[in-house]
Protein backbone atom coordinates (compact mmCIF):
# COMPACT_ATOMS: atom_id res chain seq x y z
CA MET A 1 174.66 163.53 154.17
CA SER A 2 172.78 166.18 156.13
CA GLU A 3 169.52 164.24 155.74
CA THR A 4 171.21 161.26 157.38
CA VAL A 5 172.26 163.39 160.32
CA PHE A 6 168.78 164.86 160.72
CA ALA A 7 167.24 161.37 160.58
CA MET A 8 169.72 160.14 163.20
CA LEU A 9 168.87 163.06 165.49
CA LYS A 10 165.15 162.52 164.97
CA ASP A 11 165.48 158.85 165.96
CA ASP A 12 167.21 159.84 169.20
CA GLY A 13 164.48 162.35 170.04
CA ASP A 14 166.91 165.27 169.88
CA GLU A 15 166.16 168.47 168.07
CA ILE A 16 168.14 171.36 166.67
CA ARG A 17 167.72 174.34 168.99
CA SER A 18 169.74 176.94 167.12
CA ARG A 19 167.99 179.34 164.78
CA SER A 20 170.87 180.69 162.73
CA TRP A 21 172.50 178.49 160.10
CA HIS A 22 175.88 178.99 161.74
CA GLY A 23 174.54 177.89 165.10
CA GLN A 24 172.87 174.87 163.52
CA PHE A 25 176.12 173.93 161.80
CA ARG A 26 178.07 174.13 165.05
CA GLU A 27 175.41 172.17 166.92
CA LEU A 28 175.31 169.42 164.29
CA THR A 29 179.10 169.26 164.22
CA ARG A 30 179.23 168.77 167.98
CA LYS A 31 176.51 166.12 167.89
CA CYS A 32 178.33 164.24 165.13
CA ILE A 33 181.58 164.31 167.09
CA VAL A 34 179.84 162.97 170.20
CA HIS A 35 178.11 160.28 168.13
CA ASN A 36 181.40 159.20 166.56
CA LEU A 37 183.11 159.07 169.96
CA GLU A 38 180.28 156.93 171.34
CA GLN A 39 180.57 154.57 168.38
CA ALA A 40 184.33 154.30 168.81
CA ALA A 41 184.01 153.59 172.53
CA SER A 42 181.55 150.71 172.05
């Protein structure tokens, strides 16, 4: 599942900026929420 998220982010040109695992987790969670909201809106 995490590989899918990383591939999705790579396709969009985004990158993970956080260095700690906790920061990366929070950042990915936020990006997934935004992605799901965008999908629901369209």
